[in-house]
Amino acid sequence: MKPSTVLKKARKLIERGWCKGPYATDKDGNEVDQYSRKAVNFCAAGASDRVCGKDDDLKDECFSRLCAANAISFTHQRINKATILKRVDRAIALAEKEGR
């Protein structure tokens, strides 16, 4: 699977439910593993990982594009779902521009 395809699928997960901080949360907001059946809300990295499964190389490719698009932040920024979706769109555009 191409990184652009992964990121498009990850975006759909984020549209359905987004969380800030943990990779994934359940319906009650409790942190869960991003691969758990209970996971319903995802951060950008968690959604991408969920779609990639256990393919570490693909995860790394997607993560680097999310970082380049500033969809992943290591600081406590004021951020919301709409901003994240715009940044994921930017990551998708980067991957598509690279033919990935």
PDB file of N, CA and C in Angstrom:
ATOM      1  N   MET A   1       0.851  -1.172   0.000  1.00  0.00           N
ATOM      2  CA  MET A   1       0.000   0.000   0.000  1.00  0.00           C
ATOM      3  C   MET A   1       0.899   1.237   0.000  1.00  0.00           C
ATOM      4  N   LYS A   2       0.496   2.242  -0.717  1.00  0.00           N
ATOM      5  CA  LYS A   2       1.244   3.494  -0.781  1.00  0.00           C
ATOM      6  C   LYS A   2       0.947   4.362   0.449  1.00  0.00           C
ATOM      7  N   PRO A   3       1.912   5.179   0.855  1.00  0.00           N
ATOM      8  CA  PRO A   3       1.660   6.098   1.967  1.00  0.00           C
ATOM      9  C   PRO A   3       0.448   7.009   1.717  1.00  0.00           C
ATOM     10  N   SER A   4       0.262   7.467   0.499  1.00  0.00           N
ATOM     11  CA  SER A   4      -0.888   8.339   0.218  1.00  0.00           C
ATOM     12  C   SER A   4      -2.200   7.599   0.467  1.00  0.00           C
ATOM     13  N   THR A   5      -2.254   6.327   0.137  1.00  0.00           N
ATOM     14  CA  THR A   5      -3.455   5.518   0.383  1.00  0.00           C
ATOM     15  C   THR A   5      -3.680   5.332   1.879  1.00  0.00           C
ATOM     16  N   VAL A   6      -2.606   5.047   2.597  1.00  0.00           N
ATOM     17  CA  VAL A   6      -2.700   4.897   4.058  1.00  0.00           C
ATOM     18  C   VAL A   6      -3.227   6.173   4.681  1.00  0.00           C
ATOM     19  N   LEU A   7      -2.655   7.302   4.283  1.00  0.00           N
ATOM     20  CA  LEU A   7      -3.037   8.583   4.878  1.00  0.00           C
ATOM     21  C   LEU A   7      -4.480   8.955   4.555  1.00  0.00           C
ATOM     22  N   LYS A   8      -4.949   8.590   3.382  1.00  0.00           N
ATOM     23  CA  LYS A   8      -6.363   8.839   3.038  1.00  0.00           C
ATOM     24  C   LYS A   8      -7.281   8.006   3.930  1.00  0.00           C
ATOM     25  N   LYS A   9      -6.919   6.758   4.157  1.00  0.00           N
ATOM     26  CA  LYS A   9      -7.720   5.902   5.035  1.00  0.00           C
ATOM     27  C   LYS A   9      -7.636   6.383   6.481  1.00  0.00           C
ATOM     28  N   ALA A  10      -6.452   6.822   6.886  1.00  0.00           N
ATOM     29  CA  ALA A  10      -6.271   7.353   8.242  1.00  0.00           C
ATOM     30  C   ALA A  10      -7.132   8.599   8.430  1.00  0.00           C
ATOM     31  N   ARG A  11      -7.207   9.426   7.411  1.00  0.00           N
ATOM     32  CA  ARG A  11      -8.022  10.643   7.488  1.00  0.00           C
ATOM     33  C   ARG A  11      -9.479  10.291   7.769  1.00  0.00           C
ATOM     34  N   LYS A  12      -9.963   9.243   7.131  1.00  0.00           N
ATOM     35  CA  LYS A  12     -11.357   8.817   7.358  1.00  0.00           C
ATOM     36  C   LYS A  12     -11.567   8.388   8.815  1.00  0.00           C
ATOM     37  N   LEU A  13     -10.579   7.712   9.383  1.00  0.00           N
ATOM     38  CA  LEU A  13     -10.671   7.333  10.800  1.00  0.00           C
ATOM     39  C   LEU A  13     -10.743   8.572  11.683  1.00  0.00           C
ATOM     40  N   ILE A  14      -9.907   9.557  11.377  1.00  0.00           N
ATOM     41  CA  ILE A  14      -9.882  10.787  12.169  1.00  0.00           C
ATOM     42  C   ILE A  14     -11.195  11.552  12.023  1.00  0.00           C
ATOM     43  N   GLU A  15     -11.763  11.543  10.822  1.00  0.00           N
ATOM     44  CA  GLU A  15     -13.059  12.212  10.614  1.00  0.00           C
ATOM     45  C   GLU A  15     -14.123  11.631  11.533  1.00  0.00           C
ATOM     46  N   ARG A  16     -14.092  10.310  11.706  1.00  0.00           N
ATOM     47  CA  ARG A  16     -15.089   9.641  12.560  1.00  0.00           C
ATOM     48  C   ARG A  16     -14.850   9.892  14.040  1.00  0.00           C
ATOM     49  N   GLY A  17     -13.577  10.038  14.407  1.00  0.00           N
ATOM     50  CA  GLY A  17     -13.266  10.267  15.812  1.00  0.00           C
ATOM     51  C   GLY A  17     -11.814  10.633  15.999  1.00  0.00           C
ATOM     52  N   TRP A  18     -11.572  11.782  16.611  1.00  0.00           N
ATOM     53  CA  TRP A  18     -10.224  12.289  16.807  1.00  0.00           C
ATOM     54  C   TRP A  18      -9.928  12.411  18.297  1.00  0.00           C
ATOM     55  N   CYS A  19      -8.685  12.176  18.660  1.00  0.00           N
ATOM     56  CA  CYS A  19      -8.254  12.419  20.038  1.00  0.00           C
ATOM     57  C   CYS A  19      -6.902  13.111  20.004  1.00  0.00           C
ATOM     58  N   LYS A  20      -6.625  13.843  21.036  1.00  0.00           N
ATOM     59  CA  LYS A  20      -5.357  14.555  21.166  1.00  0.00           C
ATOM     60  C   LYS A  20      -4.586  13.918  22.307  1.00  0.00           C
ATOM     61  N   GLY A  21      -3.396  13.509  22.031  1.00  0.00           N
ATOM     62  CA  GLY A  21      -2.556  12.911  23.077  1.00  0.00           C
ATOM     63  C   GLY A  21      -2.279  11.454  22.810  1.00  0.00           C
ATOM     64  N   PRO A  22      -3.153  10.573  23.273  1.00  0.00           N
ATOM     65  CA  PRO A  22      -2.890   9.140  23.031  1.00  0.00           C
ATOM     66  C   PRO A  22      -3.095   8.780  21.559  1.00  0.00           C
ATOM     67  N   TYR A  23      -2.529   7.667  21.173  1.00  0.00           N
ATOM     68  CA  TYR A  23      -2.712   7.191  19.802  1.00  0.00           C
ATOM     69  C   TYR A  23      -4.174   6.853  19.521  1.00  0.00           C
ATOM     70  N   ALA A  24      -4.872   6.358  20.542  1.00  0.00           N
ATOM     71  CA  ALA A  24      -6.282   5.999  20.358  1.00  0.00           C
ATOM     72  C   ALA A  24      -6.994   5.983  21.697  1.00  0.00           C
ATOM     73  N   THR A  25      -8.307   6.216  21.636  1.00  0.00           N
ATOM     74  CA  THR A  25      -9.147   6.104  22.821  1.00  0.00           C
ATOM     75  C   THR A  25     -10.407   5.328  22.471  1.00  0.00           C
ATOM     76  N   ASP A  26     -11.053   4.804  23.515  1.00  0.00           N
ATOM     77  CA  ASP A  26     -12.320   4.105  23.308  1.00  0.00           C
ATOM     78  C   ASP A  26     -13.464   5.124  23.347  1.00  0.00           C
ATOM     79  N   LYS A  27     -14.687   4.644  23.297  1.00  0.00           N
ATOM     80  CA  LYS A  27     -15.857   5.523  23.251  1.00  0.00           C
ATOM     81  C   LYS A  27     -16.006   6.375  24.504  1.00  0.00           C
ATOM     82  N   ASP A  28     -15.370   5.957  25.603  1.00  0.00           N
ATOM     83  CA  ASP A  28     -15.438   6.707  26.850  1.00  0.00           C
ATOM     84  C   ASP A  28     -14.240   7.633  27.061  1.00  0.00           C
ATOM     85  N   GLY A  29     -13.345   7.666  26.074  1.00  0.00           N
ATOM     86  CA  GLY A  29     -12.174   8.524  26.181  1.00  0.00           C
ATOM     87  C   GLY A  29     -10.988   7.910  26.893  1.00  0.00           C
ATOM     88  N   ASN A  30     -11.066   6.616  27.187  1.00  0.00           N
ATOM     89  CA  ASN A  30      -9.954   5.913  27.822  1.00  0.00           C
ATOM     90  C   ASN A  30      -8.917   5.510  26.785  1.00  0.00           C
ATOM     91  N   GLU A  31      -7.656   5.679  27.120  1.00  0.00           N
ATOM     92  CA  GLU A  31      -6.596   5.305  26.191  1.00  0.00           C
ATOM     93  C   GLU A  31      -6.608   3.798  25.940  1.00  0.00           C
ATOM     94  N   VAL A  32      -6.518   3.435  24.665  1.00  0.00           N
ATOM     95  CA  VAL A  32      -6.434   2.030  24.257  1.00  0.00           C
ATOM     96  C   VAL A  32      -5.388   1.918  23.153  1.00  0.00           C
ATOM     97  N   ASP A  33      -4.960   0.716  22.884  1.00  0.00           N
ATOM     98  CA  ASP A  33      -4.039   0.457  21.782  1.00  0.00           C
ATOM     99  C   ASP A  33      -4.714   0.802  20.464  1.00  0.00           C
ATOM    100  N   GLN A  34      -3.980   1.396  19.548  1.00  0.00           N
ATOM    101  CA  GLN A  34      -4.564   1.796  18.265  1.00  0.00           C
ATOM    102  C   GLN A  34      -5.047   0.610  17.425  1.00  0.00           C
ATOM    103  N   TYR A  35      -4.622  -0.585  17.769  1.00  0.00           N
ATOM    104  CA  TYR A  35      -5.069  -1.781  17.040  1.00  0.00           C
ATOM    105  C   TYR A  35      -6.252  -2.466  17.717  1.00  0.00           C
ATOM    106  N   SER A  36      -6.648  -1.963  18.866  1.00  0.00           N
ATOM    107  CA  SER A  36      -7.752  -2.566  19.620  1.00  0.00           C
ATOM    108  C   SER A  36      -9.082  -2.392  18.891  1.00  0.00           C
ATOM    109  N   ARG A  37      -9.951  -3.386  19.044  1.00  0.00           N
ATOM    110  CA  ARG A  37     -11.303  -3.273  18.486  1.00  0.00           C
ATOM    111  C   ARG A  37     -12.098  -2.183  19.196  1.00  0.00           C
ATOM    112  N   LYS A  38     -11.667  -1.813  20.395  1.00  0.00           N
ATOM    113  CA  LYS A  38     -12.356  -0.771  21.163  1.00  0.00           C
ATOM    114  C   LYS A  38     -11.964   0.638  20.726  1.00  0.00           C
ATOM    115  N   ALA A  39     -10.907   0.772  19.952  1.00  0.00           N
ATOM    116  CA  ALA A  39     -10.431   2.091  19.523  1.00  0.00           C
ATOM    117  C   ALA A  39     -11.428   2.731  18.560  1.00  0.00           C
ATOM    118  N   VAL A  40     -11.858   3.937  18.894  1.00  0.00           N
ATOM    119  CA  VAL A  40     -12.799   4.664  18.024  1.00  0.00           C
ATOM    120  C   VAL A  40     -12.330   6.080  17.716  1.00  0.00           C
ATOM    121  N   ASN A  41     -11.406   6.607  18.493  1.00  0.00           N
ATOM    122  CA  ASN A  41     -10.850   7.941  18.269  1.00  0.00           C
ATOM    123  C   ASN A  41      -9.345   7.801  18.106  1.00  0.00           C
ATOM    124  N   PHE A  42      -8.791   8.540  17.144  1.00  0.00           N
ATOM    125  CA  PHE A  42      -7.372   8.389  16.828  1.00  0.00           C
ATOM    126  C   PHE A  42      -6.695   9.736  16.638  1.00  0.00           C
ATOM    127  N   CYS A  43      -5.428   9.818  17.051  1.00  0.00           N
ATOM    128  CA  CYS A  43      -4.601  10.943  16.642  1.00  0.00           C
ATOM    129  C   CYS A  43      -4.087  10.591  15.239  1.00  0.00           C
ATOM    130  N   ALA A  44      -3.390  11.515  14.599  1.00  0.00           N
ATOM    131  CA  ALA A  44      -2.919  11.263  13.233  1.00  0.00           C
ATOM    132  C   ALA A  44      -1.987  10.053  13.162  1.00  0.00           C
ATOM    133  N   ALA A  45      -1.050   9.960  14.102  1.00  0.00           N
ATOM    134  CA  ALA A  45      -0.118   8.829  14.090  1.00  0.00           C
ATOM    135  C   ALA A  45      -0.828   7.523  14.403  1.00  0.00           C
ATOM    136  N   GLY A  46      -1.747   7.559  15.339  1.00  0.00           N
ATOM    137  CA  GLY A  46      -2.494   6.353  15.697  1.00  0.00           C
ATOM    138  C   GLY A  46      -3.344   5.843  14.551  1.00  0.00           C
ATOM    139  N   ALA A  47      -3.993   6.757  13.844  1.00  0.00           N
ATOM    140  CA  ALA A  47      -4.815   6.369  12.697  1.00  0.00           C
ATOM    141  C   ALA A  47      -3.948   5.776  11.595  1.00  0.00           C
ATOM    142  N   SER A  48      -2.816   6.408  11.339  1.00  0.00           N
ATOM    143  CA  SER A  48      -1.899   5.911  10.315  1.00  0.00           C
ATOM    144  C   SER A  48      -1.379   4.522  10.686  1.00  0.00           C
ATOM    145  N   ASP A  49      -0.962   4.356  11.938  1.00  0.00           N
ATOM    146  CA  ASP A  49      -0.491   3.046  12.400  1.00  0.00           C
ATOM    147  C   ASP A  49      -1.573   1.987  12.257  1.00  0.00           C
ATOM    148  N   ARG A  50      -2.776   2.339  12.621  1.00  0.00           N
ATOM    149  CA  ARG A  50      -3.900   1.393  12.541  1.00  0.00           C
ATOM    150  C   ARG A  50      -4.052   0.870  11.108  1.00  0.00           C
ATOM    151  N   VAL A  51      -3.964   1.780  10.143  1.00  0.00           N
ATOM    152  CA  VAL A  51      -4.113   1.385   8.740  1.00  0.00           C
ATOM    153  C   VAL A  51      -2.908   0.569   8.272  1.00  0.00           C
ATOM    154  N   CYS A  52      -1.709   0.942   8.700  1.00  0.00           N
ATOM    155  CA  CYS A  52      -0.483   0.242   8.278  1.00  0.00           C
ATOM    156  C   CYS A  52      -0.401  -1.171   8.838  1.00  0.00           C
ATOM    157  N   GLY A  53      -1.010  -1.384   9.982  1.00  0.00           N
ATOM    158  CA  GLY A  53      -0.851  -2.682  10.627  1.00  0.00           C
ATOM    159  C   GLY A  53       0.555  -2.815  11.163  1.00  0.00           C
ATOM    160  N   LYS A  54       1.180  -3.906  10.907  1.00  0.00           N
ATOM    161  CA  LYS A  54       2.516  -4.173  11.471  1.00  0.00           C
ATOM    162  C   LYS A  54       3.650  -3.877  10.485  1.00  0.00           C
ATOM    163  N   ASP A  55       3.362  -3.181   9.395  1.00  0.00           N
ATOM    164  CA  ASP A  55       4.375  -2.848   8.389  1.00  0.00           C
ATOM    165  C   ASP A  55       5.181  -1.635   8.866  1.00  0.00           C
ATOM    166  N   ASP A  56       6.308  -1.889   9.540  1.00  0.00           N
ATOM    167  CA  ASP A  56       7.097  -0.819  10.144  1.00  0.00           C
ATOM    168  C   ASP A  56       7.679   0.153   9.120  1.00  0.00           C
ATOM    169  N   ASP A  57       8.086  -0.330   7.962  1.00  0.00           N
ATOM    170  CA  ASP A  57       8.632   0.568   6.940  1.00  0.00           C
ATOM    171  C   ASP A  57       7.562   1.540   6.441  1.00  0.00           C
ATOM    172  N   LEU A  58       6.371   1.032   6.214  1.00  0.00           N
ATOM    173  CA  LEU A  58       5.272   1.882   5.773  1.00  0.00           C
ATOM    174  C   LEU A  58       4.890   2.875   6.865  1.00  0.00           C
ATOM    175  N   LYS A  59       4.884   2.413   8.110  1.00  0.00           N
ATOM    176  CA  LYS A  59       4.609   3.315   9.242  1.00  0.00           C
ATOM    177  C   LYS A  59       5.590   4.475   9.249  1.00  0.00           C
ATOM    178  N   ASP A  60       6.878   4.155   9.063  1.00  0.00           N
ATOM    179  CA  ASP A  60       7.912   5.195   9.064  1.00  0.00           C
ATOM    180  C   ASP A  60       7.703   6.192   7.928  1.00  0.00           C
ATOM    181  N   GLU A  61       7.360   5.694   6.746  1.00  0.00           N
ATOM    182  CA  GLU A  61       7.112   6.582   5.609  1.00  0.00           C
ATOM    183  C   GLU A  61       5.947   7.525   5.892  1.00  0.00           C
ATOM    184  N   CYS A  62       4.878   6.992   6.437  1.00  0.00           N
ATOM    185  CA  CYS A  62       3.696   7.805   6.742  1.00  0.00           C
ATOM    186  C   CYS A  62       3.993   8.796   7.856  1.00  0.00           C
ATOM    187  N   PHE A  63       4.692   8.338   8.881  1.00  0.00           N
ATOM    188  CA  PHE A  63       5.025   9.200  10.002  1.00  0.00           C
ATOM    189  C   PHE A  63       5.866  10.393   9.543  1.00  0.00           C
ATOM    190  N   SER A  64       6.829  10.139   8.653  1.00  0.00           N
ATOM    191  CA  SER A  64       7.687  11.232   8.182  1.00  0.00           C
ATOM    192  C   SER A  64       6.881  12.264   7.402  1.00  0.00           C
ATOM    193  N   ARG A  65       5.902  11.827   6.643  1.00  0.00           N
ATOM    194  CA  ARG A  65       5.055  12.773   5.902  1.00  0.00           C
ATOM    195  C   ARG A  65       4.131  13.547   6.842  1.00  0.00           C
ATOM    196  N   LEU A  66       3.621  12.866   7.867  1.00  0.00           N
ATOM    197  CA  LEU A  66       2.798  13.559   8.855  1.00  0.00           C
ATOM    198  C   LEU A  66       3.628  14.610   9.599  1.00  0.00           C
ATOM    199  N   CYS A  67       4.860  14.282   9.916  1.00  0.00           N
ATOM    200  CA  CYS A  67       5.740  15.256  10.584  1.00  0.00           C
ATOM    201  C   CYS A  67       6.038  16.434   9.657  1.00  0.00           C
ATOM    202  N   ALA A  68       6.336  16.146   8.398  1.00  0.00           N
ATOM    203  CA  ALA A  68       6.636  17.210   7.437  1.00  0.00           C
ATOM    204  C   ALA A  68       5.452  18.148   7.256  1.00  0.00           C
ATOM    205  N   ALA A  69       4.254  17.610   7.378  1.00  0.00           N
ATOM    206  CA  ALA A  69       3.033  18.415   7.227  1.00  0.00           C
ATOM    207  C   ALA A  69       2.594  19.019   8.556  1.00  0.00           C
ATOM    208  N   ASN A  70       3.378  18.800   9.604  1.00  0.00           N
ATOM    209  CA  ASN A  70       3.070  19.307  10.939  1.00  0.00           C
ATOM    210  C   ASN A  70       1.744  18.763  11.472  1.00  0.00           C
ATOM    211  N   ALA A  71       1.399  17.553  11.070  1.00  0.00           N
ATOM    212  CA  ALA A  71       0.182  16.906  11.577  1.00  0.00           C
ATOM    213  C   ALA A  71       0.459  16.209  12.901  1.00  0.00           C
ATOM    214  N   ILE A  72       1.741  16.076  13.227  1.00  0.00           N
ATOM    215  CA  ILE A  72       2.140  15.484  14.498  1.00  0.00           C
ATOM    216  C   ILE A  72       2.971  16.528  15.216  1.00  0.00           C
ATOM    217  N   SER A  73       2.613  16.799  16.432  1.00  0.00           N
ATOM    218  CA  SER A  73       3.310  17.810  17.211  1.00  0.00           C
ATOM    219  C   SER A  73       3.823  17.196  18.498  1.00  0.00           C
ATOM    220  N   PHE A  74       5.017  17.570  18.848  1.00  0.00           N
ATOM    221  CA  PHE A  74       5.601  17.080  20.092  1.00  0.00           C
ATOM    222  C   PHE A  74       5.529  18.144  21.182  1.00  0.00           C
ATOM    223  N   THR A  75       4.754  19.183  20.919  1.00  0.00           N
ATOM    224  CA  THR A  75       4.541  20.234  21.908  1.00  0.00           C
ATOM    225  C   THR A  75       3.051  20.311  22.210  1.00  0.00           C
ATOM    226  N   HIS A  76       2.717  21.016  23.246  1.00  0.00           N
ATOM    227  CA  HIS A  76       1.309  21.172  23.622  1.00  0.00           C
ATOM    228  C   HIS A  76       0.725  22.387  22.915  1.00  0.00           C
ATOM    229  N   GLN A  77       0.438  22.206  21.650  1.00  0.00           N
ATOM    230  CA  GLN A  77      -0.161  23.280  20.862  1.00  0.00           C
ATOM    231  C   GLN A  77      -1.661  23.294  21.066  1.00  0.00           C
ATOM    232  N   ARG A  78      -2.243  24.453  20.833  1.00  0.00           N
ATOM    233  CA  ARG A  78      -3.699  24.525  20.755  1.00  0.00           C
ATOM    234  C   ARG A  78      -4.049  24.030  19.358  1.00  0.00           C
ATOM    235  N   ILE A  79      -4.709  22.908  19.313  1.00  0.00           N
ATOM    236  CA  ILE A  79      -5.002  22.285  18.031  1.00  0.00           C
ATOM    237  C   ILE A  79      -6.380  21.646  18.104  1.00  0.00           C
ATOM    238  N   ASN A  80      -7.020  21.538  16.961  1.00  0.00           N
ATOM    239  CA  ASN A  80      -8.339  20.924  16.933  1.00  0.00           C
ATOM    240  C   ASN A  80      -8.444  19.975  15.746  1.00  0.00           C
ATOM    241  N   LYS A  81      -9.553  19.301  15.662  1.00  0.00           N
ATOM    242  CA  LYS A  81      -9.764  18.290  14.623  1.00  0.00           C
ATOM    243  C   LYS A  81      -9.664  18.886  13.226  1.00  0.00           C
ATOM    244  N   ALA A  82     -10.250  20.052  13.004  1.00  0.00           N
ATOM    245  CA  ALA A  82     -10.218  20.683  11.680  1.00  0.00           C
ATOM    246  C   ALA A  82      -8.774  20.975  11.252  1.00  0.00           C
ATOM    247  N   THR A  83      -7.968  21.437  12.185  1.00  0.00           N
ATOM    248  CA  THR A  83      -6.563  21.726  11.881  1.00  0.00           C
ATOM    249  C   THR A  83      -5.822  20.444  11.540  1.00  0.00           C
ATOM    250  N   ILE A  84      -6.052  19.404  12.311  1.00  0.00           N
ATOM    251  CA  ILE A  84      -5.397  18.123  12.038  1.00  0.00           C
ATOM    252  C   ILE A  84      -5.791  17.595  10.658  1.00  0.00           C
ATOM    253  N   LEU A  85      -7.070  17.671  10.324  1.00  0.00           N
ATOM    254  CA  LEU A  85      -7.511  17.181   9.014  1.00  0.00           C
ATOM    255  C   LEU A  85      -6.834  17.959   7.884  1.00  0.00           C
ATOM    256  N   LYS A  86      -6.670  19.267   8.042  1.00  0.00           N
ATOM    257  CA  LYS A  86      -5.975  20.073   7.024  1.00  0.00           C
ATOM    258  C   LYS A  86      -4.515  19.638   6.905  1.00  0.00           C
ATOM    259  N   ARG A  87      -3.914  19.346   8.042  1.00  0.00           N
ATOM    260  CA  ARG A  87      -2.513  18.924   8.026  1.00  0.00           C
ATOM    261  C   ARG A  87      -2.349  17.522   7.453  1.00  0.00           C
ATOM    262  N   VAL A  88      -3.301  16.651   7.707  1.00  0.00           N
ATOM    263  CA  VAL A  88      -3.264  15.318   7.092  1.00  0.00           C
ATOM    264  C   VAL A  88      -3.435  15.462   5.580  1.00  0.00           C
ATOM    265  N   ASP A  89      -4.306  16.370   5.149  1.00  0.00           N
ATOM    266  CA  ASP A  89      -4.447  16.640   3.708  1.00  0.00           C
ATOM    267  C   ASP A  89      -3.109  17.079   3.114  1.00  0.00           C
ATOM    268  N   ARG A  90      -2.373  17.894   3.859  1.00  0.00           N
ATOM    269  CA  ARG A  90      -1.052  18.347   3.403  1.00  0.00           C
ATOM    270  C   ARG A  90      -0.097  17.156   3.298  1.00  0.00           C
ATOM    271  N   ALA A  91      -0.159  16.236   4.261  1.00  0.00           N
ATOM    272  CA  ALA A  91       0.691  15.037   4.219  1.00  0.00           C
ATOM    273  C   ALA A  91       0.341  14.162   3.026  1.00  0.00           C
ATOM    274  N   ILE A  92      -0.955  14.048   2.731  1.00  0.00           N
ATOM    275  CA  ILE A  92      -1.404  13.287   1.546  1.00  0.00           C
ATOM    276  C   ILE A  92      -0.844  13.928   0.288  1.00  0.00           C
ATOM    277  N   ALA A  93      -0.937  15.252   0.198  1.00  0.00           N
ATOM    278  CA  ALA A  93      -0.427  15.966  -0.975  1.00  0.00           C
ATOM    279  C   ALA A  93       1.079  15.751  -1.131  1.00  0.00           C
ATOM    280  N   LEU A  94       1.807  15.767  -0.022  1.00  0.00           N
ATOM    281  CA  LEU A  94       3.249  15.518  -0.078  1.00  0.00           C
ATOM    282  C   LEU A  94       3.555  14.121  -0.621  1.00  0.00           C
ATOM    283  N   ALA A  95       2.824  13.137  -0.107  1.00  0.00           N
ATOM    284  CA  ALA A  95       3.040  11.757  -0.548  1.00  0.00           C
ATOM    285  C   ALA A  95       2.692  11.604  -2.027  1.00  0.00           C
ATOM    286  N   GLU A  96       1.602  12.229  -2.450  1.00  0.00           N
ATOM    287  CA  GLU A  96       1.201  12.143  -3.866  1.00  0.00           C
ATOM    288  C   GLU A  96       2.220  12.844  -4.770  1.00  0.00           C
ATOM    289  N   LYS A  97       2.747  13.974  -4.310  1.00  0.00           N
ATOM    290  CA  LYS A  97       3.733  14.717  -5.083  1.00  0.00           C
ATOM    291  C   LYS A  97       4.988  13.871  -5.306  1.00  0.00           C
ATOM    292  N   GLU A  98       5.301  13.059  -4.293  1.00  0.00           N
ATOM    293  CA  GLU A  98       6.470  12.164  -4.385  1.00  0.00           C
ATOM    294  C   GLU A  98       6.138  10.876  -5.132  1.00  0.00           C
ATOM    295  N   GLY A  99       4.894  10.741  -5.544  1.00  0.00           N
ATOM    296  CA  GLY A  99       4.496   9.515  -6.235  1.00  0.00           C
ATOM    297  C   GLY A  99       4.335   8.340  -5.315  1.00  0.00           C
ATOM    298  N   ARG A 100       4.142   8.631  -4.048  1.00  0.00           N
ATOM    299  CA  ARG A 100       4.025   7.594  -3.031  1.00  0.00           C
ATOM    300  C   ARG A 100       2.617   7.616  -2.500  1.00  0.00           C
TER     301      ARG A 100
END
